Amino acid sequence: MDNVFKALADSSRRQLLDELFKKNGQTLSELCEHLEMTRQSVTKHLVILEEANLIVVEWHGRNKLHFLNAAPIGEIYDRWIGKFERHRIDALSELKRKLEEENN
C-alpha cells in the first residue's frame, strides 16, 4: 500500500490516472497529449503507477496500452476512508430512526 500512496502523491500521476479514467487503454503518445512534460517523464510516471499496480499494461501488436486498475484505490477506500464514512452513515441512520419514532 505504500507504493500506492507514493504514486498518488504526485499530481502528474494523478492526472495520468484521470486521463485513463476518461478513456481507458491509451498509448504513451495519447497520454502525452494531455500533459506538458516530456515523453521520458511520462514514461517514468507510468512505471511508478505500474509498480503500484494502479495501471496494467497490455500489448496489442506494436502498441502498448495502459489501463486503469482501480483495485488498489478500492483497498485504500476500504481501509482508510470507508471505516470513517461508515460511522457517519450509521449516525445518520440512527438520527433518522429517532426522528421517525418521535413523529409516531
PDB file of N, CA and C in Angstrom:
ATOM      1  N   MET A   1       0.816  -1.191   0.000  1.00  0.00           N
ATOM      2  CA  MET A   1       0.000   0.000   0.000  1.00  0.00           C
ATOM      3  C   MET A   1       0.864   1.263   0.000  1.00  0.00           C
ATOM      4  N   ASP A   2       2.086   1.159   0.493  1.00  0.00           N
ATOM      5  CA  ASP A   2       2.990   2.311   0.482  1.00  0.00           C
ATOM      6  C   ASP A   2       3.257   2.798  -0.940  1.00  0.00           C
ATOM      7  N   ASN A   3       3.419   1.849  -1.878  1.00  0.00           N
ATOM      8  CA  ASN A   3       3.646   2.229  -3.271  1.00  0.00           C
ATOM      9  C   ASN A   3       2.454   2.976  -3.851  1.00  0.00           C
ATOM     10  N   VAL A   4       1.260   2.611  -3.431  1.00  0.00           N
ATOM     11  CA  VAL A   4       0.061   3.284  -3.930  1.00  0.00           C
ATOM     12  C   VAL A   4       0.035   4.722  -3.437  1.00  0.00           C
ATOM     13  N   PHE A   5       0.292   4.924  -2.143  1.00  0.00           N
ATOM     14  CA  PHE A   5       0.308   6.286  -1.604  1.00  0.00           C
ATOM     15  C   PHE A   5       1.417   7.120  -2.250  1.00  0.00           C
ATOM     16  N   LYS A   6       2.576   6.509  -2.464  1.00  0.00           N
ATOM     17  CA  LYS A   6       3.680   7.215  -3.122  1.00  0.00           C
ATOM     18  C   LYS A   6       3.275   7.623  -4.533  1.00  0.00           C
ATOM     19  N   ALA A   7       2.654   6.712  -5.255  1.00  0.00           N
ATOM     20  CA  ALA A   7       2.239   7.005  -6.626  1.00  0.00           C
ATOM     21  C   ALA A   7       1.177   8.102  -6.668  1.00  0.00           C
ATOM     22  N   LEU A   8       0.247   8.076  -5.739  1.00  0.00           N
ATOM     23  CA  LEU A   8      -0.833   9.063  -5.716  1.00  0.00           C
ATOM     24  C   LEU A   8      -0.387  10.420  -5.190  1.00  0.00           C
ATOM     25  N   ALA A   9       0.796  10.486  -4.595  1.00  0.00           N
ATOM     26  CA  ALA A   9       1.277  11.739  -4.011  1.00  0.00           C
ATOM     27  C   ALA A   9       1.642  12.780  -5.063  1.00  0.00           C
ATOM     28  N   ASP A  10       1.863  12.352  -6.288  1.00  0.00           N
ATOM     29  CA  ASP A  10       2.309  13.262  -7.339  1.00  0.00           C
ATOM     30  C   ASP A  10       1.129  13.677  -8.223  1.00  0.00           C
ATOM     31  N   SER A  11       0.978  14.977  -8.449  1.00  0.00           N
ATOM     32  CA  SER A  11      -0.157  15.481  -9.227  1.00  0.00           C
ATOM     33  C   SER A  11      -0.121  15.023 -10.687  1.00  0.00           C
ATOM     34  N   SER A  12       1.053  14.868 -11.253  1.00  0.00           N
ATOM     35  CA  SER A  12       1.146  14.391 -12.641  1.00  0.00           C
ATOM     36  C   SER A  12       0.647  12.958 -12.760  1.00  0.00           C
ATOM     37  N   ARG A  13       0.967  12.132 -11.783  1.00  0.00           N
ATOM     38  CA  ARG A  13       0.498  10.747 -11.816  1.00  0.00           C
ATOM     39  C   ARG A  13      -1.014  10.688 -11.595  1.00  0.00           C
ATOM     40  N   ARG A  14      -1.532  11.549 -10.735  1.00  0.00           N
ATOM     41  CA  ARG A  14      -2.993  11.604 -10.555  1.00  0.00           C
ATOM     42  C   ARG A  14      -3.657  12.051 -11.853  1.00  0.00           C
ATOM     43  N   GLN A  15      -3.039  12.963 -12.560  1.00  0.00           N
ATOM     44  CA  GLN A  15      -3.591  13.419 -13.834  1.00  0.00           C
ATOM     45  C   GLN A  15      -3.584  12.284 -14.861  1.00  0.00           C
ATOM     46  N   LEU A  16      -2.515  11.489 -14.879  1.00  0.00           N
ATOM     47  CA  LEU A  16      -2.479  10.330 -15.774  1.00  0.00           C
ATOM     48  C   LEU A  16      -3.616   9.363 -15.449  1.00  0.00           C
ATOM     49  N   LEU A  17      -3.855   9.128 -14.175  1.00  0.00           N
ATOM     50  CA  LEU A  17      -4.963   8.247 -13.781  1.00  0.00           C
ATOM     51  C   LEU A  17      -6.298   8.842 -14.200  1.00  0.00           C
ATOM     52  N   ASP A  18      -6.443  10.162 -14.061  1.00  0.00           N
ATOM     53  CA  ASP A  18      -7.671  10.824 -14.502  1.00  0.00           C
ATOM     54  C   ASP A  18      -7.885  10.649 -15.998  1.00  0.00           C
ATOM     55  N   GLU A  19      -6.807  10.758 -16.763  1.00  0.00           N
ATOM     56  CA  GLU A  19      -6.918  10.586 -18.214  1.00  0.00           C
ATOM     57  C   GLU A  19      -7.309   9.151 -18.570  1.00  0.00           C
ATOM     58  N   LEU A  20      -6.774   8.182 -17.834  1.00  0.00           N
ATOM     59  CA  LEU A  20      -7.153   6.794 -18.088  1.00  0.00           C
ATOM     60  C   LEU A  20      -8.579   6.521 -17.640  1.00  0.00           C
ATOM     61  N   PHE A  21      -9.044   7.238 -16.638  1.00  0.00           N
ATOM     62  CA  PHE A  21     -10.436   7.100 -16.221  1.00  0.00           C
ATOM     63  C   PHE A  21     -11.364   7.606 -17.326  1.00  0.00           C
ATOM     64  N   LYS A  22     -10.973   8.716 -17.949  1.00  0.00           N
ATOM     65  CA  LYS A  22     -11.776   9.280 -19.039  1.00  0.00           C
ATOM     66  C   LYS A  22     -11.811   8.353 -20.250  1.00  0.00           C
ATOM     67  N   LYS A  23     -10.622   7.816 -20.603  1.00  0.00           N
ATOM     68  CA  LYS A  23     -10.518   6.924 -21.759  1.00  0.00           C
ATOM     69  C   LYS A  23      -9.470   5.870 -21.432  1.00  0.00           C
ATOM     70  N   ASN A  24      -9.916   4.704 -21.106  1.00  0.00           N
ATOM     71  CA  ASN A  24      -9.026   3.624 -20.719  1.00  0.00           C
ATOM     72  C   ASN A  24      -8.357   3.022 -21.953  1.00  0.00           C
ATOM     73  N   GLY A  25      -7.166   2.491 -21.771  1.00  0.00           N
ATOM     74  CA  GLY A  25      -6.470   1.817 -22.856  1.00  0.00           C
ATOM     75  C   GLY A  25      -5.762   2.758 -23.811  1.00  0.00           C
ATOM     76  N   GLN A  26      -5.030   3.718 -23.270  1.00  0.00           N
ATOM     77  CA  GLN A  26      -4.325   4.687 -24.104  1.00  0.00           C
ATOM     78  C   GLN A  26      -2.848   4.313 -24.261  1.00  0.00           C
ATOM     79  N   THR A  27      -2.296   4.743 -25.377  1.00  0.00           N
ATOM     80  CA  THR A  27      -0.866   4.568 -25.625  1.00  0.00           C
ATOM     81  C   THR A  27      -0.102   5.700 -24.931  1.00  0.00           C
ATOM     82  N   LEU A  28       1.207   5.571 -24.895  1.00  0.00           N
ATOM     83  CA  LEU A  28       2.058   6.617 -24.336  1.00  0.00           C
ATOM     84  C   LEU A  28       1.842   7.933 -25.077  1.00  0.00           C
ATOM     85  N   SER A  29       1.793   7.867 -26.391  1.00  0.00           N
ATOM     86  CA  SER A  29       1.597   9.083 -27.196  1.00  0.00           C
ATOM     87  C   SER A  29       0.282   9.772 -26.855  1.00  0.00           C
ATOM     88  N   GLU A  30      -0.776   9.000 -26.711  1.00  0.00           N
ATOM     89  CA  GLU A  30      -2.077   9.580 -26.359  1.00  0.00           C
ATOM     90  C   GLU A  30      -2.032  10.238 -24.984  1.00  0.00           C
ATOM     91  N   LEU A  31      -1.386   9.595 -24.052  1.00  0.00           N
ATOM     92  CA  LEU A  31      -1.295  10.159 -22.699  1.00  0.00           C
ATOM     93  C   LEU A  31      -0.444  11.428 -22.686  1.00  0.00           C
ATOM     94  N   CYS A  32       0.606  11.454 -23.494  1.00  0.00           N
ATOM     95  CA  CYS A  32       1.478  12.630 -23.552  1.00  0.00           C
ATOM     96  C   CYS A  32       0.745  13.867 -24.068  1.00  0.00           C
ATOM     97  N   GLU A  33      -0.282  13.670 -24.876  1.00  0.00           N
ATOM     98  CA  GLU A  33      -1.046  14.791 -25.422  1.00  0.00           C
ATOM     99  C   GLU A  33      -1.699  15.628 -24.316  1.00  0.00           C
ATOM    100  N   HIS A  34      -1.970  15.026 -23.176  1.00  0.00           N
ATOM    101  CA  HIS A  34      -2.701  15.693 -22.097  1.00  0.00           C
ATOM    102  C   HIS A  34      -1.787  16.319 -21.041  1.00  0.00           C
ATOM    103  N   LEU A  35      -0.494  16.097 -21.176  1.00  0.00           N
ATOM    104  CA  LEU A  35       0.440  16.581 -20.162  1.00  0.00           C
ATOM    105  C   LEU A  35       1.515  17.453 -20.800  1.00  0.00           C
ATOM    106  N   GLU A  36       1.948  18.426 -20.076  1.00  0.00           N
ATOM    107  CA  GLU A  36       3.023  19.291 -20.563  1.00  0.00           C
ATOM    108  C   GLU A  36       4.348  18.846 -19.961  1.00  0.00           C
ATOM    109  N   MET A  37       4.781  17.663 -20.399  1.00  0.00           N
ATOM    110  CA  MET A  37       6.077  17.129 -19.973  1.00  0.00           C
ATOM    111  C   MET A  37       6.592  16.222 -21.065  1.00  0.00           C
ATOM    112  N   THR A  38       7.851  15.891 -20.963  1.00  0.00           N
ATOM    113  CA  THR A  38       8.477  15.059 -21.993  1.00  0.00           C
ATOM    114  C   THR A  38       7.961  13.621 -21.923  1.00  0.00           C
ATOM    115  N   ARG A  39       8.136  12.928 -23.039  1.00  0.00           N
ATOM    116  CA  ARG A  39       7.762  11.503 -23.084  1.00  0.00           C
ATOM    117  C   ARG A  39       8.504  10.707 -22.013  1.00  0.00           C
ATOM    118  N   GLN A  40       9.778  11.052 -21.805  1.00  0.00           N
ATOM    119  CA  GLN A  40      10.580  10.338 -20.812  1.00  0.00           C
ATOM    120  C   GLN A  40      10.000  10.521 -19.407  1.00  0.00           C
ATOM    121  N   SER A  41       9.543  11.723 -19.103  1.00  0.00           N
ATOM    122  CA  SER A  41       8.948  11.975 -17.786  1.00  0.00           C
ATOM    123  C   SER A  41       7.646  11.211 -17.618  1.00  0.00           C
ATOM    124  N   VAL A  42       6.830  11.223 -18.658  1.00  0.00           N
ATOM    125  CA  VAL A  42       5.569  10.481 -18.602  1.00  0.00           C
ATOM    126  C   VAL A  42       5.857   8.995 -18.418  1.00  0.00           C
ATOM    127  N   THR A  43       6.858   8.491 -19.131  1.00  0.00           N
ATOM    128  CA  THR A  43       7.232   7.081 -19.010  1.00  0.00           C
ATOM    129  C   THR A  43       7.640   6.747 -17.575  1.00  0.00           C
ATOM    130  N   LYS A  44       8.425   7.610 -16.948  1.00  0.00           N
ATOM    131  CA  LYS A  44       8.840   7.376 -15.558  1.00  0.00           C
ATOM    132  C   LYS A  44       7.630   7.350 -14.620  1.00  0.00           C
ATOM    133  N   HIS A  45       6.689   8.247 -14.842  1.00  0.00           N
ATOM    134  CA  HIS A  45       5.475   8.261 -14.021  1.00  0.00           C
ATOM    135  C   HIS A  45       4.658   6.987 -14.236  1.00  0.00           C
ATOM    136  N   LEU A  46       4.579   6.539 -15.474  1.00  0.00           N
ATOM    137  CA  LEU A  46       3.826   5.321 -15.764  1.00  0.00           C
ATOM    138  C   LEU A  46       4.458   4.103 -15.110  1.00  0.00           C
ATOM    139  N   VAL A  47       5.782   4.062 -15.052  1.00  0.00           N
ATOM    140  CA  VAL A  47       6.471   2.950 -14.384  1.00  0.00           C
ATOM    141  C   VAL A  47       6.102   2.919 -12.903  1.00  0.00           C
ATOM    142  N   ILE A  48       6.077   4.068 -12.268  1.00  0.00           N
ATOM    143  CA  ILE A  48       5.717   4.138 -10.846  1.00  0.00           C
ATOM    144  C   ILE A  48       4.266   3.696 -10.642  1.00  0.00           C
ATOM    145  N   LEU A  49       3.375   4.125 -11.535  1.00  0.00           N
ATOM    146  CA  LEU A  49       1.971   3.712 -11.439  1.00  0.00           C
ATOM    147  C   LEU A  49       1.827   2.210 -11.656  1.00  0.00           C
ATOM    148  N   GLU A  50       2.611   1.665 -12.564  1.00  0.00           N
ATOM    149  CA  GLU A  50       2.566   0.221 -12.813  1.00  0.00           C
ATOM    150  C   GLU A  50       3.110  -0.562 -11.622  1.00  0.00           C
ATOM    151  N   GLU A  51       4.192  -0.074 -11.017  1.00  0.00           N
ATOM    152  CA  GLU A  51       4.756  -0.739  -9.835  1.00  0.00           C
ATOM    153  C   GLU A  51       3.774  -0.726  -8.664  1.00  0.00           C
ATOM    154  N   ALA A  52       2.947   0.309  -8.597  1.00  0.00           N
ATOM    155  CA  ALA A  52       1.929   0.406  -7.547  1.00  0.00           C
ATOM    156  C   ALA A  52       0.663  -0.361  -7.922  1.00  0.00           C
ATOM    157  N   ASN A  53       0.663  -0.988  -9.089  1.00  0.00           N
ATOM    158  CA  ASN A  53      -0.464  -1.761  -9.591  1.00  0.00           C
ATOM    159  C   ASN A  53      -1.695  -0.887  -9.870  1.00  0.00           C
ATOM    160  N   LEU A  54      -1.463   0.407 -10.087  1.00  0.00           N
ATOM    161  CA  LEU A  54      -2.562   1.310 -10.397  1.00  0.00           C
ATOM    162  C   LEU A  54      -2.892   1.324 -11.890  1.00  0.00           C
ATOM    163  N   ILE A  55      -1.958   0.848 -12.694  1.00  0.00           N
ATOM    164  CA  ILE A  55      -2.232   0.660 -14.117  1.00  0.00           C
ATOM    165  C   ILE A  55      -1.739  -0.721 -14.522  1.00  0.00           C
ATOM    166  N   VAL A  56      -2.353  -1.217 -15.568  1.00  0.00           N
ATOM    167  CA  VAL A  56      -1.975  -2.500 -16.153  1.00  0.00           C
ATOM    168  C   VAL A  56      -1.644  -2.239 -17.622  1.00  0.00           C
ATOM    169  N   VAL A  57      -0.608  -2.866 -18.101  1.00  0.00           N
ATOM    170  CA  VAL A  57      -0.160  -2.672 -19.477  1.00  0.00           C
ATOM    171  C   VAL A  57      -0.482  -3.918 -20.281  1.00  0.00           C
ATOM    172  N   GLU A  58      -1.006  -3.700 -21.475  1.00  0.00           N
ATOM    173  CA  GLU A  58      -1.259  -4.799 -22.418  1.00  0.00           C
ATOM    174  C   GLU A  58      -0.682  -4.413 -23.771  1.00  0.00           C
ATOM    175  N   TRP A  59      -0.069  -5.375 -24.398  1.00  0.00           N
ATOM    176  CA  TRP A  59       0.468  -5.156 -25.742  1.00  0.00           C
ATOM    177  C   TRP A  59      -0.563  -5.614 -26.759  1.00  0.00           C
ATOM    178  N   HIS A  60      -0.859  -4.743 -27.708  1.00  0.00           N
ATOM    179  CA  HIS A  60      -1.725  -5.061 -28.836  1.00  0.00           C
ATOM    180  C   HIS A  60      -0.895  -4.806 -30.091  1.00  0.00           C
ATOM    181  N   GLY A  61      -0.286  -5.861 -30.579  1.00  0.00           N
ATOM    182  CA  GLY A  61       0.648  -5.710 -31.691  1.00  0.00           C
ATOM    183  C   GLY A  61       1.852  -4.907 -31.217  1.00  0.00           C
ATOM    184  N   ARG A  62       2.113  -3.793 -31.897  1.00  0.00           N
ATOM    185  CA  ARG A  62       3.235  -2.936 -31.508  1.00  0.00           C
ATOM    186  C   ARG A  62       2.818  -1.851 -30.528  1.00  0.00           C
ATOM    187  N   ASN A  63       1.540  -1.786 -30.214  1.00  0.00           N
ATOM    188  CA  ASN A  63       1.038  -0.748 -29.312  1.00  0.00           C
ATOM    189  C   ASN A  63       0.974  -1.238 -27.870  1.00  0.00           C
ATOM    190  N   LYS A  64       1.523  -0.452 -26.990  1.00  0.00           N
ATOM    191  CA  LYS A  64       1.482  -0.736 -25.558  1.00  0.00           C
ATOM    192  C   LYS A  64       0.360   0.130 -24.980  1.00  0.00           C
ATOM    193  N   LEU A  65      -0.701  -0.525 -24.525  1.00  0.00           N
ATOM    194  CA  LEU A  65      -1.855   0.187 -23.989  1.00  0.00           C
ATOM    195  C   LEU A  65      -1.838   0.173 -22.471  1.00  0.00           C
ATOM    196  N   HIS A  66      -2.220   1.295 -21.888  1.00  0.00           N
ATOM    197  CA  HIS A  66      -2.251   1.448 -20.434  1.00  0.00           C
ATOM    198  C   HIS A  66      -3.701   1.490 -19.970  1.00  0.00           C
ATOM    199  N   PHE A  67      -4.004   0.662 -18.973  1.00  0.00           N
ATOM    200  CA  PHE A  67      -5.354   0.565 -18.443  1.00  0.00           C
ATOM    201  C   PHE A  67      -5.349   0.875 -16.944  1.00  0.00           C
ATOM    202  N   LEU A  68      -6.370   1.564 -16.507  1.00  0.00           N
ATOM    203  CA  LEU A  68      -6.536   1.886 -15.099  1.00  0.00           C
ATOM    204  C   LEU A  68      -6.904   0.631 -14.328  1.00  0.00           C
ATOM    205  N   ASN A  69      -6.275   0.440 -13.180  1.00  0.00           N
ATOM    206  CA  ASN A  69      -6.630  -0.634 -12.263  1.00  0.00           C
ATOM    207  C   ASN A  69      -7.056   0.028 -10.960  1.00  0.00           C
ATOM    208  N   ALA A  70      -8.338   0.091 -10.714  1.00  0.00           N
ATOM    209  CA  ALA A  70      -8.868   0.811  -9.550  1.00  0.00           C
ATOM    210  C   ALA A  70      -8.847  -0.023  -8.270  1.00  0.00           C
ATOM    211  N   ALA A  71      -8.471  -1.280  -8.343  1.00  0.00           N
ATOM    212  CA  ALA A  71      -8.499  -2.149  -7.160  1.00  0.00           C
ATOM    213  C   ALA A  71      -7.674  -1.602  -5.989  1.00  0.00           C
ATOM    214  N   PRO A  72      -6.437  -1.131  -6.204  1.00  0.00           N
ATOM    215  CA  PRO A  72      -5.687  -0.601  -5.059  1.00  0.00           C
ATOM    216  C   PRO A  72      -6.341   0.632  -4.425  1.00  0.00           C
ATOM    217  N   ILE A  73      -7.005   1.455  -5.247  1.00  0.00           N
ATOM    218  CA  ILE A  73      -7.707   2.617  -4.698  1.00  0.00           C
ATOM    219  C   ILE A  73      -8.905   2.146  -3.874  1.00  0.00           C
ATOM    220  N   GLY A  74      -9.555   1.090  -4.334  1.00  0.00           N
ATOM    221  CA  GLY A  74     -10.656   0.500  -3.569  1.00  0.00           C
ATOM    222  C   GLY A  74     -10.182  -0.031  -2.220  1.00  0.00           C
ATOM    223  N   GLU A  75      -8.984  -0.606  -2.205  1.00  0.00           N
ATOM    224  CA  GLU A  75      -8.429  -1.105  -0.940  1.00  0.00           C
ATOM    225  C   GLU A  75      -8.149   0.047   0.022  1.00  0.00           C
ATOM    226  N   ILE A  76      -7.657   1.167  -0.517  1.00  0.00           N
ATOM    227  CA  ILE A  76      -7.439   2.351   0.324  1.00  0.00           C
ATOM    228  C   ILE A  76      -8.769   2.837   0.873  1.00  0.00           C
ATOM    229  N   TYR A  77      -9.770   2.873   0.020  1.00  0.00           N
ATOM    230  CA  TYR A  77     -11.095   3.303   0.460  1.00  0.00           C
ATOM    231  C   TYR A  77     -11.596   2.409   1.598  1.00  0.00           C
ATOM    232  N   ASP A  78     -11.498   1.098   1.403  1.00  0.00           N
ATOM    233  CA  ASP A  78     -11.978   0.164   2.422  1.00  0.00           C
ATOM    234  C   ASP A  78     -11.214   0.318   3.737  1.00  0.00           C
ATOM    235  N   ARG A  79      -9.913   0.495   3.637  1.00  0.00           N
ATOM    236  CA  ARG A  79      -9.081   0.538   4.848  1.00  0.00           C
ATOM    237  C   ARG A  79      -9.087   1.889   5.523  1.00  0.00           C
ATOM    238  N   TRP A  80      -9.021   2.981   4.772  1.00  0.00           N
ATOM    239  CA  TRP A  80      -8.807   4.295   5.367  1.00  0.00           C
ATOM    240  C   TRP A  80     -10.006   5.231   5.309  1.00  0.00           C
ATOM    241  N   ILE A  81     -10.824   5.123   4.295  1.00  0.00           N
ATOM    242  CA  ILE A  81     -11.920   6.072   4.146  1.00  0.00           C
ATOM    243  C   ILE A  81     -13.246   5.453   4.575  1.00  0.00           C
ATOM    244  N   GLY A  82     -13.497   4.259   4.106  1.00  0.00           N
ATOM    245  CA  GLY A  82     -14.769   3.600   4.368  1.00  0.00           C
ATOM    246  C   GLY A  82     -15.105   3.465   5.838  1.00  0.00           C
ATOM    247  N   LYS A  83     -14.101   3.157   6.650  1.00  0.00           N
ATOM    248  CA  LYS A  83     -14.403   2.960   8.072  1.00  0.00           C
ATOM    249  C   LYS A  83     -14.833   4.256   8.742  1.00  0.00           C
ATOM    250  N   PHE A  84     -14.320   5.390   8.289  1.00  0.00           N
ATOM    251  CA  PHE A  84     -14.740   6.669   8.853  1.00  0.00           C
ATOM    252  C   PHE A  84     -16.109   7.067   8.322  1.00  0.00           C
ATOM    253  N   GLU A  85     -16.346   6.789   7.067  1.00  0.00           N
ATOM    254  CA  GLU A  85     -17.631   7.092   6.461  1.00  0.00           C
ATOM    255  C   GLU A  85     -18.731   6.221   7.064  1.00  0.00           C
ATOM    256  N   ARG A  86     -18.421   4.965   7.342  1.00  0.00           N
ATOM    257  CA  ARG A  86     -19.396   4.038   7.910  1.00  0.00           C
ATOM    258  C   ARG A  86     -19.964   4.603   9.205  1.00  0.00           C
ATOM    259  N   HIS A  87     -19.135   5.210  10.031  1.00  0.00           N
ATOM    260  CA  HIS A  87     -19.588   5.786  11.303  1.00  0.00           C
ATOM    261  C   HIS A  87     -20.608   6.897  11.049  1.00  0.00           C
ATOM    262  N   ARG A  88     -20.341   7.737  10.067  1.00  0.00           N
ATOM    263  CA  ARG A  88     -21.268   8.830   9.744  1.00  0.00           C
ATOM    264  C   ARG A  88     -22.590   8.302   9.220  1.00  0.00           C
ATOM    265  N   ILE A  89     -22.541   7.301   8.376  1.00  0.00           N
ATOM    266  CA  ILE A  89     -23.764   6.717   7.833  1.00  0.00           C
ATOM    267  C   ILE A  89     -24.587   6.090   8.951  1.00  0.00           C
ATOM    268  N   ASP A  90     -23.915   5.381   9.855  1.00  0.00           N
ATOM    269  CA  ASP A  90     -24.609   4.782  10.987  1.00  0.00           C
ATOM    270  C   ASP A  90     -25.244   5.855  11.869  1.00  0.00           C
ATOM    271  N   ALA A  91     -24.533   6.963  12.097  1.00  0.00           N
ATOM    272  CA  ALA A  91     -25.068   8.053  12.916  1.00  0.00           C
ATOM    273  C   ALA A  91     -26.292   8.682  12.252  1.00  0.00           C
ATOM    274  N   LEU A  92     -26.248   8.889  10.959  1.00  0.00           N
ATOM    275  CA  LEU A  92     -27.401   9.444  10.242  1.00  0.00           C
ATOM    276  C   LEU A  92     -28.588   8.489  10.269  1.00  0.00           C
ATOM    277  N   SER A  93     -28.340   7.220  10.149  1.00  0.00           N
ATOM    278  CA  SER A  93     -29.414   6.229  10.220  1.00  0.00           C
ATOM    279  C   SER A  93     -30.058   6.232  11.596  1.00  0.00           C
ATOM    280  N   GLU A  94     -29.232   6.321  12.609  1.00  0.00           N
ATOM    281  CA  GLU A  94     -29.745   6.364  13.989  1.00  0.00           C
ATOM    282  C   GLU A  94     -30.567   7.633  14.215  1.00  0.00           C
ATOM    283  N   LEU A  95     -30.109   8.773  13.726  1.00  0.00           N
ATOM    284  CA  LEU A  95     -30.842  10.031  13.839  1.00  0.00           C
ATOM    285  C   LEU A  95     -32.190   9.922  13.129  1.00  0.00           C
ATOM    286  N   LYS A  96     -32.202   9.356  11.948  1.00  0.00           N
ATOM    287  CA  LYS A  96     -33.444   9.171  11.196  1.00  0.00           C
ATOM    288  C   LYS A  96     -34.413   8.300  11.975  1.00  0.00           C
ATOM    289  N   ARG A  97     -33.914   7.211  12.537  1.00  0.00           N
ATOM    290  CA  ARG A  97     -34.760   6.297  13.304  1.00  0.00           C
ATOM    291  C   ARG A  97     -35.380   7.013  14.491  1.00  0.00           C
ATOM    292  N   LYS A  98     -34.588   7.802  15.220  1.00  0.00           N
ATOM    293  CA  LYS A  98     -35.089   8.516  16.400  1.00  0.00           C
ATOM    294  C   LYS A  98     -36.126   9.571  16.016  1.00  0.00           C
ATOM    295  N   LEU A  99     -35.883  10.284  14.916  1.00  0.00           N
ATOM    296  CA  LEU A  99     -36.843  11.293  14.475  1.00  0.00           C
ATOM    297  C   LEU A  99     -38.156  10.649  14.048  1.00  0.00           C
ATOM    298  N   GLU A 100     -38.082   9.510  13.390  1.00  0.00           N
ATOM    299  CA  GLU A 100     -39.291   8.804  12.995  1.00  0.00           C
ATOM    300  C   GLU A 100     -40.063   8.315  14.199  1.00  0.00           C
ATOM    301  N   GLU A 101     -39.357   7.867  15.252  1.00  0.00           N
ATOM    302  CA  GLU A 101     -40.014   7.414  16.485  1.00  0.00           C
ATOM    303  C   GLU A 101     -40.741   8.575  17.171  1.00  0.00           C
ATOM    304  N   GLU A 102     -40.128   9.763  17.165  1.00  0.00           N
ATOM    305  CA  GLU A 102     -40.734  10.946  17.788  1.00  0.00           C
ATOM    306  C   GLU A 102     -41.997  11.374  17.056  1.00  0.00           C
ATOM    307  N   ASN A 103     -42.035  11.184  15.750  1.00  0.00           N
ATOM    308  CA  ASN A 103     -43.194  11.591  14.945  1.00  0.00           C
ATOM    309  C   ASN A 103     -44.343  10.589  15.026  1.00  0.00           C
ATOM    310  N   ASN A 104     -44.106   9.412  15.552  1.00  0.00           N
ATOM    311  CA  ASN A 104     -45.171   8.386  15.648  1.00  0.00           C
ATOM    312  C   ASN A 104     -45.834   8.407  16.967  1.00  0.00           C
TER     313      ASN A 104
END
